[in-house]
Amino acid sequence: MTDSAAYILFVVAGTTYAVRSEAVRHMEMIEQITPVPNAHEYLEGVVFSRGQIVPVLNLRARFGFEKVPHDLRTRLVVVESGGRWVGLTVDSAREFVRIAPADVHPPSQAMAPLSTNYVEGVATLGGRLVLLLNIEEVLNTNTARLTGGGGDGADPTAGHAASPPAARA
């Protein structure tokens, strides 16, 4: 039997999502985001976080939902994928859970194209559903949005993504 995996849970537009905890570098409140000219609507800009310049993707916009103003519950979840750091703005984030493989189900074909791009599974946790994100696909800006829209194929985080520090404690 495989051991359970650790996840960080967060909420976007009323839905609970999870990302594997080993991909999460840190979480923080959002202070100042510097806009980037001519960026995709889901690239909010860049922040200076823990000595790094980090691009910030708004997951509401990335998933095709309406953007809302940030409030005291809004969090920046900084993830690492492919050697780059990217911040994700989420409505709230504060849970750390372990999810057993038996609680994870493959995404339904009815969820397409969501299931083929962003969601690697659906977990049941105490009566609630949690969508397990494939963080590499969420950060892959060459794929279409959940609403079926696409971009121009350019990667808006290219040249902005921070590399991890040379040594971490």
N, C-alpha and C. Protein backbone atom coordinates (compact mmCIF):
# COMPACT_ATOMS: atom_id res chain seq x y z
N MET A 1 0.84 -1.19 0.00
CA MET A 1 0.00 0.00 0.00
C MET A 1 0.88 1.25 0.00
N THR A 2 0.52 2.22 -0.82
CA THR A 2 1.27 3.46 -0.91
C THR A 2 0.83 4.40 0.19
N ASP A 3 1.80 5.12 0.77
CA ASP A 3 1.49 6.09 1.82
C ASP A 3 0.74 7.28 1.24
N SER A 4 0.05 7.99 2.13
CA SER A 4 -0.65 9.19 1.71
C SER A 4 0.35 10.27 1.34
N ALA A 5 -0.10 11.19 0.51
CA ALA A 5 0.74 12.30 0.06
C ALA A 5 0.28 13.58 0.74
N ALA A 6 1.22 14.50 0.98
CA ALA A 6 0.91 15.78 1.62
C ALA A 6 0.53 16.82 0.57
N TYR A 7 -0.50 17.59 0.88
CA TYR A 7 -1.01 18.61 -0.03
C TYR A 7 -1.29 19.89 0.74
N ILE A 8 -1.19 21.00 0.02
CA ILE A 8 -1.65 22.30 0.51
C ILE A 8 -2.98 22.56 -0.18
N LEU A 9 -4.01 22.90 0.61
CA LEU A 9 -5.34 23.19 0.05
C LEU A 9 -5.54 24.69 -0.02
N PHE A 10 -6.23 25.13 -1.08
CA PHE A 10 -6.59 26.53 -1.21
C PHE A 10 -7.90 26.63 -1.97
N VAL A 11 -8.53 27.80 -1.87
CA VAL A 11 -9.84 28.02 -2.47
C VAL A 11 -9.71 29.07 -3.57
N VAL A 12 -10.34 28.78 -4.71
CA VAL A 12 -10.45 29.73 -5.81
C VAL A 12 -11.89 29.66 -6.30
N ALA A 13 -12.59 30.79 -6.26
CA ALA A 13 -13.97 30.89 -6.75
C ALA A 13 -14.88 29.83 -6.12
N GLY A 14 -14.70 29.60 -4.83
CA GLY A 14 -15.58 28.69 -4.10
C GLY A 14 -15.25 27.22 -4.22
N THR A 15 -14.23 26.86 -4.97
CA THR A 15 -13.82 25.46 -5.14
C THR A 15 -12.51 25.24 -4.42
N THR A 16 -12.38 24.08 -3.77
CA THR A 16 -11.14 23.74 -3.07
C THR A 16 -10.23 22.98 -4.01
N TYR A 17 -8.99 23.44 -4.10
CA TYR A 17 -7.96 22.82 -4.92
C TYR A 17 -6.82 22.38 -4.02
N ALA A 18 -6.00 21.46 -4.52
CA ALA A 18 -4.84 21.00 -3.77
C ALA A 18 -3.64 20.91 -4.70
N VAL A 19 -2.47 21.19 -4.14
CA VAL A 19 -1.22 21.02 -4.86
C VAL A 19 -0.27 20.29 -3.90
N ARG A 20 0.53 19.40 -4.45
CA ARG A 20 1.46 18.64 -3.61
C ARG A 20 2.35 19.59 -2.83
N SER A 21 2.52 19.32 -1.56
CA SER A 21 3.26 20.25 -0.69
C SER A 21 4.72 20.40 -1.11
N GLU A 22 5.32 19.38 -1.73
CA GLU A 22 6.73 19.54 -2.12
C GLU A 22 6.91 20.57 -3.22
N ALA A 23 5.84 20.93 -3.94
CA ALA A 23 5.93 21.96 -4.97
C ALA A 23 5.80 23.37 -4.38
N VAL A 24 5.28 23.47 -3.14
CA VAL A 24 5.04 24.77 -2.52
C VAL A 24 6.28 25.21 -1.76
N ARG A 25 6.81 26.36 -2.13
CA ARG A 25 7.98 26.92 -1.45
C ARG A 25 7.55 27.68 -0.20
N HIS A 26 6.50 28.51 -0.32
CA HIS A 26 5.98 29.23 0.84
C HIS A 26 4.66 29.90 0.46
N MET A 27 3.96 30.39 1.48
CA MET A 27 2.72 31.15 1.29
C MET A 27 2.86 32.45 2.06
N GLU A 28 2.25 33.49 1.55
CA GLU A 28 2.30 34.78 2.24
C GLU A 28 1.11 35.63 1.84
N MET A 29 0.90 36.68 2.62
CA MET A 29 -0.12 37.66 2.26
C MET A 29 0.41 38.47 1.09
N ILE A 30 -0.50 39.01 0.31
CA ILE A 30 -0.10 39.81 -0.85
C ILE A 30 0.03 41.26 -0.43
N GLU A 31 1.20 41.83 -0.71
CA GLU A 31 1.42 43.23 -0.37
C GLU A 31 1.37 44.09 -1.62
N GLN A 32 2.39 44.04 -2.45
CA GLN A 32 2.45 44.89 -3.63
C GLN A 32 2.82 44.05 -4.85
N ILE A 33 1.97 44.07 -5.86
CA ILE A 33 2.26 43.41 -7.13
C ILE A 33 2.56 44.50 -8.15
N THR A 34 3.70 44.40 -8.80
CA THR A 34 4.08 45.37 -9.83
C THR A 34 3.57 44.86 -11.18
N PRO A 35 2.67 45.60 -11.82
CA PRO A 35 2.13 45.16 -13.11
C PRO A 35 3.20 45.04 -14.18
N VAL A 36 2.98 44.13 -15.13
CA VAL A 36 3.86 43.94 -16.27
C VAL A 36 3.09 44.38 -17.52
N PRO A 37 3.61 45.33 -18.28
CA PRO A 37 2.89 45.82 -19.47
C PRO A 37 2.63 44.71 -20.49
N ASN A 38 1.50 44.78 -21.16
CA ASN A 38 1.12 43.90 -22.27
C ASN A 38 1.12 42.42 -21.89
N ALA A 39 0.82 42.11 -20.64
CA ALA A 39 0.80 40.72 -20.18
C ALA A 39 -0.60 40.12 -20.36
N HIS A 40 -0.67 38.79 -20.36
CA HIS A 40 -1.96 38.10 -20.37
C HIS A 40 -2.78 38.54 -19.16
N GLU A 41 -4.10 38.41 -19.25
CA GLU A 41 -4.95 38.86 -18.15
C GLU A 41 -4.70 38.09 -16.87
N TYR A 42 -4.16 36.88 -16.96
CA TYR A 42 -3.92 36.10 -15.75
C TYR A 42 -2.54 36.35 -15.14
N LEU A 43 -1.66 37.09 -15.82
CA LEU A 43 -0.38 37.46 -15.23
C LEU A 43 -0.55 38.81 -14.56
N GLU A 44 -0.65 38.80 -13.23
CA GLU A 44 -0.90 40.03 -12.49
C GLU A 44 0.31 40.94 -12.46
N GLY A 45 1.48 40.37 -12.53
CA GLY A 45 2.70 41.15 -12.47
C GLY A 45 3.79 40.35 -11.78
N VAL A 46 4.66 41.07 -11.07
CA VAL A 46 5.76 40.44 -10.35
C VAL A 46 5.81 40.97 -8.93
N VAL A 47 6.36 40.14 -8.03
CA VAL A 47 6.57 40.54 -6.64
C VAL A 47 8.01 40.22 -6.26
N PHE A 48 8.47 40.89 -5.23
CA PHE A 48 9.77 40.57 -4.65
C PHE A 48 9.48 39.76 -3.40
N SER A 49 9.83 38.49 -3.43
CA SER A 49 9.50 37.58 -2.33
C SER A 49 10.72 36.77 -1.93
N ARG A 50 11.13 36.93 -0.70
CA ARG A 50 12.26 36.19 -0.15
C ARG A 50 13.51 36.27 -1.03
N GLY A 51 13.80 37.48 -1.47
CA GLY A 51 15.00 37.72 -2.25
C GLY A 51 14.89 37.37 -3.72
N GLN A 52 13.70 37.03 -4.19
CA GLN A 52 13.50 36.63 -5.58
C GLN A 52 12.43 37.52 -6.23
N ILE A 53 12.61 37.78 -7.52
CA ILE A 53 11.54 38.41 -8.30
C ILE A 53 10.71 37.26 -8.87
N VAL A 54 9.43 37.24 -8.51
CA VAL A 54 8.56 36.12 -8.82
C VAL A 54 7.36 36.60 -9.63
N PRO A 55 7.08 35.98 -10.81
CA PRO A 55 5.87 36.32 -11.55
C PRO A 55 4.64 35.81 -10.78
N VAL A 56 3.53 36.54 -10.91
CA VAL A 56 2.32 36.19 -10.17
C VAL A 56 1.18 35.90 -11.15
N LEU A 57 0.67 34.66 -11.09
CA LEU A 57 -0.49 34.27 -11.90
C LEU A 57 -1.74 34.31 -11.03
N ASN A 58 -2.77 34.95 -11.52
CA ASN A 58 -4.05 34.98 -10.82
C ASN A 58 -4.81 33.72 -11.24
N LEU A 59 -5.02 32.80 -10.29
CA LEU A 59 -5.69 31.54 -10.65
C LEU A 59 -7.15 31.75 -11.04
N ARG A 60 -7.81 32.76 -10.51
CA ARG A 60 -9.18 33.02 -10.95
C ARG A 60 -9.19 33.29 -12.46
N ALA A 61 -8.32 34.17 -12.90
CA ALA A 61 -8.26 34.50 -14.33
C ALA A 61 -7.74 33.32 -15.13
N ARG A 62 -6.76 32.60 -14.62
CA ARG A 62 -6.18 31.45 -15.32
C ARG A 62 -7.24 30.39 -15.57
N PHE A 63 -8.15 30.22 -14.60
CA PHE A 63 -9.20 29.21 -14.72
C PHE A 63 -10.46 29.74 -15.39
N GLY A 64 -10.44 31.00 -15.83
CA GLY A 64 -11.58 31.55 -16.57
C GLY A 64 -12.65 32.17 -15.71
N PHE A 65 -12.36 32.41 -14.42
CA PHE A 65 -13.32 33.06 -13.53
C PHE A 65 -13.07 34.56 -13.51
N GLU A 66 -14.05 35.30 -13.02
CA GLU A 66 -13.92 36.75 -12.89
C GLU A 66 -12.90 37.08 -11.79
N LYS A 67 -12.06 38.06 -12.07
CA LYS A 67 -11.13 38.54 -11.05
C LYS A 67 -11.91 39.31 -9.99
N VAL A 68 -11.45 39.22 -8.75
CA VAL A 68 -12.04 39.99 -7.66
C VAL A 68 -10.90 40.71 -6.94
N PRO A 69 -11.21 41.82 -6.26
CA PRO A 69 -10.15 42.52 -5.53
C PRO A 69 -9.56 41.63 -4.43
N HIS A 70 -8.28 41.81 -4.16
CA HIS A 70 -7.64 41.07 -3.08
C HIS A 70 -8.16 41.58 -1.74
N ASP A 71 -8.24 40.67 -0.75
CA ASP A 71 -8.64 41.07 0.59
C ASP A 71 -7.69 40.42 1.59
N LEU A 72 -8.03 40.48 2.86
CA LEU A 72 -7.14 39.95 3.89
C LEU A 72 -6.97 38.43 3.83
N ARG A 73 -7.89 37.72 3.17
CA ARG A 73 -7.78 36.26 3.06
C ARG A 73 -6.99 35.84 1.82
N THR A 74 -6.81 36.74 0.86
CA THR A 74 -6.09 36.40 -0.36
C THR A 74 -4.65 36.03 -0.01
N ARG A 75 -4.17 34.98 -0.65
CA ARG A 75 -2.81 34.52 -0.38
C ARG A 75 -2.03 34.37 -1.68
N LEU A 76 -0.72 34.50 -1.55
CA LEU A 76 0.21 34.21 -2.61
C LEU A 76 0.85 32.87 -2.27
N VAL A 77 0.61 31.88 -3.11
CA VAL A 77 1.20 30.56 -2.92
C VAL A 77 2.33 30.46 -3.93
N VAL A 78 3.57 30.44 -3.44
CA VAL A 78 4.73 30.38 -4.33
C VAL A 78 5.10 28.92 -4.53
N VAL A 79 5.06 28.50 -5.79
CA VAL A 79 5.36 27.11 -6.14
C VAL A 79 6.62 27.07 -7.00
N GLU A 80 7.24 25.91 -7.03
CA GLU A 80 8.41 25.70 -7.88
C GLU A 80 8.10 24.57 -8.85
N SER A 81 8.38 24.82 -10.10
CA SER A 81 8.19 23.81 -11.13
C SER A 81 9.22 24.04 -12.22
N GLY A 82 9.90 22.98 -12.59
CA GLY A 82 10.89 23.09 -13.65
C GLY A 82 12.00 24.07 -13.33
N GLY A 83 12.35 24.21 -12.07
CA GLY A 83 13.43 25.10 -11.68
C GLY A 83 13.05 26.57 -11.60
N ARG A 84 11.77 26.90 -11.75
CA ARG A 84 11.36 28.30 -11.65
C ARG A 84 10.31 28.45 -10.56
N TRP A 85 10.30 29.62 -9.96
CA TRP A 85 9.32 29.95 -8.93
C TRP A 85 8.24 30.82 -9.56
N VAL A 86 6.98 30.51 -9.23
CA VAL A 86 5.84 31.30 -9.70
C VAL A 86 4.87 31.45 -8.53
N GLY A 87 4.36 32.67 -8.34
CA GLY A 87 3.36 32.91 -7.31
C GLY A 87 1.97 32.76 -7.88
N LEU A 88 1.09 32.14 -7.12
CA LEU A 88 -0.30 31.96 -7.52
C LEU A 88 -1.19 32.72 -6.55
N THR A 89 -2.01 33.65 -7.05
CA THR A 89 -2.95 34.31 -6.15
C THR A 89 -4.19 33.44 -6.03
N VAL A 90 -4.57 33.18 -4.78
CA VAL A 90 -5.73 32.35 -4.48
C VAL A 90 -6.61 33.10 -3.48
N ASP A 91 -7.88 32.74 -3.42
CA ASP A 91 -8.82 33.44 -2.53
C ASP A 91 -8.48 33.24 -1.06
N SER A 92 -8.05 32.03 -0.71
CA SER A 92 -7.62 31.74 0.65
C SER A 92 -6.83 30.45 0.63
N ALA A 93 -5.94 30.31 1.61
CA ALA A 93 -5.13 29.10 1.73
C ALA A 93 -4.68 28.99 3.17
N ARG A 94 -4.91 27.83 3.76
CA ARG A 94 -4.43 27.66 5.13
C ARG A 94 -4.38 26.21 5.58
N GLU A 95 -4.78 25.28 4.73
CA GLU A 95 -4.83 23.89 5.14
C GLU A 95 -3.69 23.07 4.57
N PHE A 96 -3.19 22.18 5.40
CA PHE A 96 -2.19 21.19 5.03
C PHE A 96 -2.82 19.85 5.38
N VAL A 97 -2.96 18.96 4.40
CA VAL A 97 -3.59 17.67 4.64
C VAL A 97 -2.80 16.55 3.99
N ARG A 98 -3.06 15.34 4.45
CA ARG A 98 -2.53 14.15 3.81
C ARG A 98 -3.72 13.46 3.14
N ILE A 99 -3.50 13.04 1.90
CA ILE A 99 -4.57 12.39 1.13
C ILE A 99 -4.09 11.00 0.74
N ALA A 100 -4.86 10.01 1.11
CA ALA A 100 -4.53 8.62 0.79
C ALA A 100 -4.88 8.35 -0.67
N PRO A 101 -4.09 7.52 -1.34
CA PRO A 101 -4.39 7.19 -2.73
C PRO A 101 -5.81 6.64 -2.93
N ALA A 102 -6.34 5.94 -1.95
CA ALA A 102 -7.69 5.38 -2.06
C ALA A 102 -8.77 6.47 -2.11
N ASP A 103 -8.43 7.67 -1.65
CA ASP A 103 -9.38 8.78 -1.66
C ASP A 103 -9.31 9.61 -2.94
N VAL A 104 -8.41 9.24 -3.86
CA VAL A 104 -8.23 9.99 -5.10
C VAL A 104 -8.83 9.21 -6.26
N HIS A 105 -9.64 9.89 -7.04
CA HIS A 105 -10.30 9.29 -8.21
C HIS A 105 -9.86 10.04 -9.46
N PRO A 106 -9.76 9.34 -10.59
CA PRO A 106 -9.40 10.06 -11.82
C PRO A 106 -10.49 11.06 -12.18
N PRO A 107 -10.12 12.15 -12.84
CA PRO A 107 -11.14 13.13 -13.23
C PRO A 107 -12.10 12.53 -14.23
N SER A 108 -13.35 12.89 -14.10
CA SER A 108 -14.39 12.42 -15.00
C SER A 108 -14.20 13.00 -16.39
N GLN A 109 -14.57 12.25 -17.41
CA GLN A 109 -14.51 12.77 -18.78
C GLN A 109 -15.43 13.97 -18.94
N ALA A 110 -16.44 14.09 -18.07
CA ALA A 110 -17.35 15.24 -18.13
C ALA A 110 -16.65 16.53 -17.76
N MET A 111 -15.47 16.43 -17.14
CA MET A 111 -14.72 17.62 -16.74
C MET A 111 -13.84 18.14 -17.87
N ALA A 112 -13.74 17.44 -18.98
CA ALA A 112 -12.87 17.86 -20.09
C ALA A 112 -13.28 19.25 -20.55
N PRO A 113 -12.38 20.14 -20.92
CA PRO A 113 -10.94 19.94 -21.03
C PRO A 113 -10.19 20.10 -19.71
N LEU A 114 -10.90 20.45 -18.64
CA LEU A 114 -10.27 20.61 -17.34
C LEU A 114 -9.45 19.39 -16.97
N SER A 115 -10.01 18.21 -17.13
CA SER A 115 -9.33 17.00 -16.68
C SER A 115 -8.07 16.72 -17.48
N THR A 116 -8.05 17.11 -18.75
CA THR A 116 -6.88 16.80 -19.56
C THR A 116 -5.76 17.80 -19.35
N ASN A 117 -6.07 18.97 -18.81
CA ASN A 117 -5.03 19.98 -18.65
C ASN A 117 -4.58 20.20 -17.22
N TYR A 118 -5.48 20.50 -16.33
CA TYR A 118 -5.10 20.99 -15.01
C TYR A 118 -5.31 20.02 -13.86
N VAL A 119 -6.29 19.18 -13.94
CA VAL A 119 -6.66 18.33 -12.81
C VAL A 119 -6.16 16.91 -13.01
N GLU A 120 -5.38 16.43 -12.02
CA GLU A 120 -4.87 15.07 -12.11
C GLU A 120 -5.70 14.09 -11.30
N GLY A 121 -6.62 14.59 -10.50
CA GLY A 121 -7.48 13.72 -9.73
C GLY A 121 -8.47 14.52 -8.90
N VAL A 122 -9.46 13.80 -8.38
CA VAL A 122 -10.46 14.40 -7.49
C VAL A 122 -10.44 13.58 -6.21
N ALA A 123 -10.24 14.26 -5.09
CA ALA A 123 -10.20 13.57 -3.80
C ALA A 123 -11.46 13.88 -3.01
N THR A 124 -11.84 12.94 -2.19
CA THR A 124 -12.95 13.15 -1.27
C THR A 124 -12.36 13.23 0.14
N LEU A 125 -12.62 14.34 0.79
CA LEU A 125 -12.12 14.57 2.15
C LEU A 125 -13.29 14.94 3.05
N GLY A 126 -13.73 14.01 3.85
CA GLY A 126 -14.80 14.30 4.79
C GLY A 126 -16.04 14.90 4.16
N GLY A 127 -16.46 14.39 3.03
CA GLY A 127 -17.68 14.86 2.39
C GLY A 127 -17.49 16.01 1.42
N ARG A 128 -16.29 16.53 1.29
CA ARG A 128 -16.08 17.60 0.31
C ARG A 128 -15.16 17.10 -0.79
N LEU A 129 -15.33 17.68 -1.96
CA LEU A 129 -14.50 17.33 -3.11
C LEU A 129 -13.34 18.32 -3.23
N VAL A 130 -12.18 17.79 -3.54
CA VAL A 130 -10.98 18.61 -3.71
C VAL A 130 -10.36 18.24 -5.05
N LEU A 131 -10.12 19.24 -5.89
CA LEU A 131 -9.49 19.01 -7.19
C LEU A 131 -7.98 19.08 -7.03
N LEU A 132 -7.29 17.98 -7.38
CA LEU A 132 -5.83 17.92 -7.27
C LEU A 132 -5.23 18.47 -8.55
N LEU A 133 -4.46 19.55 -8.42
CA LEU A 133 -3.92 20.22 -9.59
C LEU A 133 -2.60 19.61 -10.04
N ASN A 134 -2.43 19.56 -11.35
CA ASN A 134 -1.15 19.25 -11.97
C ASN A 134 -0.48 20.61 -12.16
N ILE A 135 0.41 20.95 -11.24
CA ILE A 135 0.97 22.31 -11.22
C ILE A 135 1.75 22.62 -12.49
N GLU A 136 2.39 21.61 -13.08
CA GLU A 136 3.13 21.86 -14.32
C GLU A 136 2.19 22.33 -15.43
N GLU A 137 1.00 21.74 -15.51
CA GLU A 137 0.04 22.15 -16.53
C GLU A 137 -0.57 23.52 -16.22
N VAL A 138 -0.79 23.81 -14.95
CA VAL A 138 -1.31 25.13 -14.58
C VAL A 138 -0.32 26.21 -15.01
N LEU A 139 0.96 25.93 -14.84
CA LEU A 139 1.99 26.91 -15.20
C LEU A 139 2.34 26.90 -16.67
N ASN A 140 1.91 25.87 -17.39
CA ASN A 140 2.17 25.78 -18.83
C ASN A 140 1.22 26.72 -19.54
N THR A 141 1.69 27.89 -19.84
CA THR A 141 0.83 28.91 -20.45
C THR A 141 0.64 28.71 -21.94
N ASN A 142 1.19 27.64 -22.49
CA ASN A 142 0.95 27.33 -23.89
C ASN A 142 -0.31 26.50 -24.09
N THR A 143 -0.95 26.06 -22.97
CA THR A 143 -2.19 25.30 -23.08
C THR A 143 -3.37 26.24 -22.97
N ALA A 144 -4.51 25.82 -23.46
CA ALA A 144 -5.71 26.65 -23.44
C ALA A 144 -6.24 26.78 -22.02
N ARG A 145 -6.92 27.89 -21.76
CA ARG A 145 -7.60 28.07 -20.47
C ARG A 145 -8.71 27.06 -20.35
N LEU A 146 -9.24 26.92 -19.14
CA LEU A 146 -10.33 25.98 -18.89
C LEU A 146 -11.56 26.32 -19.71
N THR A 147 -11.74 27.58 -20.03
CA THR A 147 -12.91 28.00 -20.78
C THR A 147 -12.75 27.73 -22.27
N GLY A 148 -11.60 27.17 -22.64
CA GLY A 148 -11.38 26.83 -24.03
C GLY A 148 -10.63 27.90 -24.79
N GLY A 149 -10.43 29.06 -24.17
CA GLY A 149 -9.70 30.13 -24.85
C GLY A 149 -8.22 29.84 -24.84
N GLY A 150 -7.52 30.45 -25.71
CA GLY A 150 -6.08 30.24 -25.74
C GLY A 150 -5.37 31.57 -25.79
N GLY A 151 -4.10 31.49 -25.74
CA GLY A 151 -3.30 32.70 -25.85
C GLY A 151 -2.62 32.72 -27.18
N ASP A 152 -1.59 33.51 -27.27
CA ASP A 152 -0.85 33.59 -28.51
C ASP A 152 0.30 32.60 -28.54
N GLY A 153 0.35 31.73 -27.53
CA GLY A 153 1.40 30.72 -27.48
C GLY A 153 2.64 31.19 -26.76
N ALA A 154 2.74 32.50 -26.50
CA ALA A 154 3.90 33.01 -25.78
C ALA A 154 3.77 32.72 -24.30
N ASP A 155 4.88 32.48 -23.65
CA ASP A 155 4.88 32.20 -22.22
C ASP A 155 5.07 33.51 -21.48
N PRO A 156 4.01 34.03 -20.81
CA PRO A 156 4.13 35.31 -20.15
C PRO A 156 5.03 35.29 -18.93
N THR A 157 5.37 34.10 -18.42
CA THR A 157 6.26 34.04 -17.27
C THR A 157 7.71 33.89 -17.69
N ALA A 158 7.97 33.69 -18.98
CA ALA A 158 9.35 33.54 -19.45
C ALA A 158 10.12 34.82 -19.19
N GLY A 159 11.30 34.65 -18.66
CA GLY A 159 12.12 35.81 -18.37
C GLY A 159 11.79 36.48 -17.05
N HIS A 160 10.68 36.09 -16.42
CA HIS A 160 10.29 36.67 -15.14
C HIS A 160 10.40 35.67 -14.01
N ALA A 161 10.37 34.37 -14.33
CA ALA A 161 10.35 33.37 -13.28
C ALA A 161 11.68 33.31 -12.57
N ALA A 162 11.60 33.29 -11.27
CA ALA A 162 12.81 33.27 -10.46
C ALA A 162 13.36 31.86 -10.36
N SER A 163 14.65 31.76 -10.36
CA SER A 163 15.29 30.49 -10.09
C SER A 163 15.40 30.33 -8.59
N PRO A 164 15.38 29.09 -8.11
CA PRO A 164 15.49 28.92 -6.67
C PRO A 164 16.87 29.35 -6.20
N PRO A 165 16.95 29.76 -4.93
CA PRO A 165 18.25 30.14 -4.40
C PRO A 165 19.22 28.97 -4.50
N ALA A 166 20.52 29.27 -4.58
CA ALA A 166 21.54 28.25 -4.75
C ALA A 166 21.54 27.27 -3.59
N ALA A 167 21.30 27.74 -2.41
CA ALA A 167 21.29 26.85 -1.25
C ALA A 167 20.11 27.23 -0.36
N ARG A 168 19.41 26.21 0.07
CA ARG A 168 18.29 26.43 1.00
C ARG A 168 18.57 25.69 2.27
N ALA A 169 18.11 26.24 3.36
CA ALA A 169 18.30 25.60 4.65
C ALA A 169 17.39 24.42 4.78
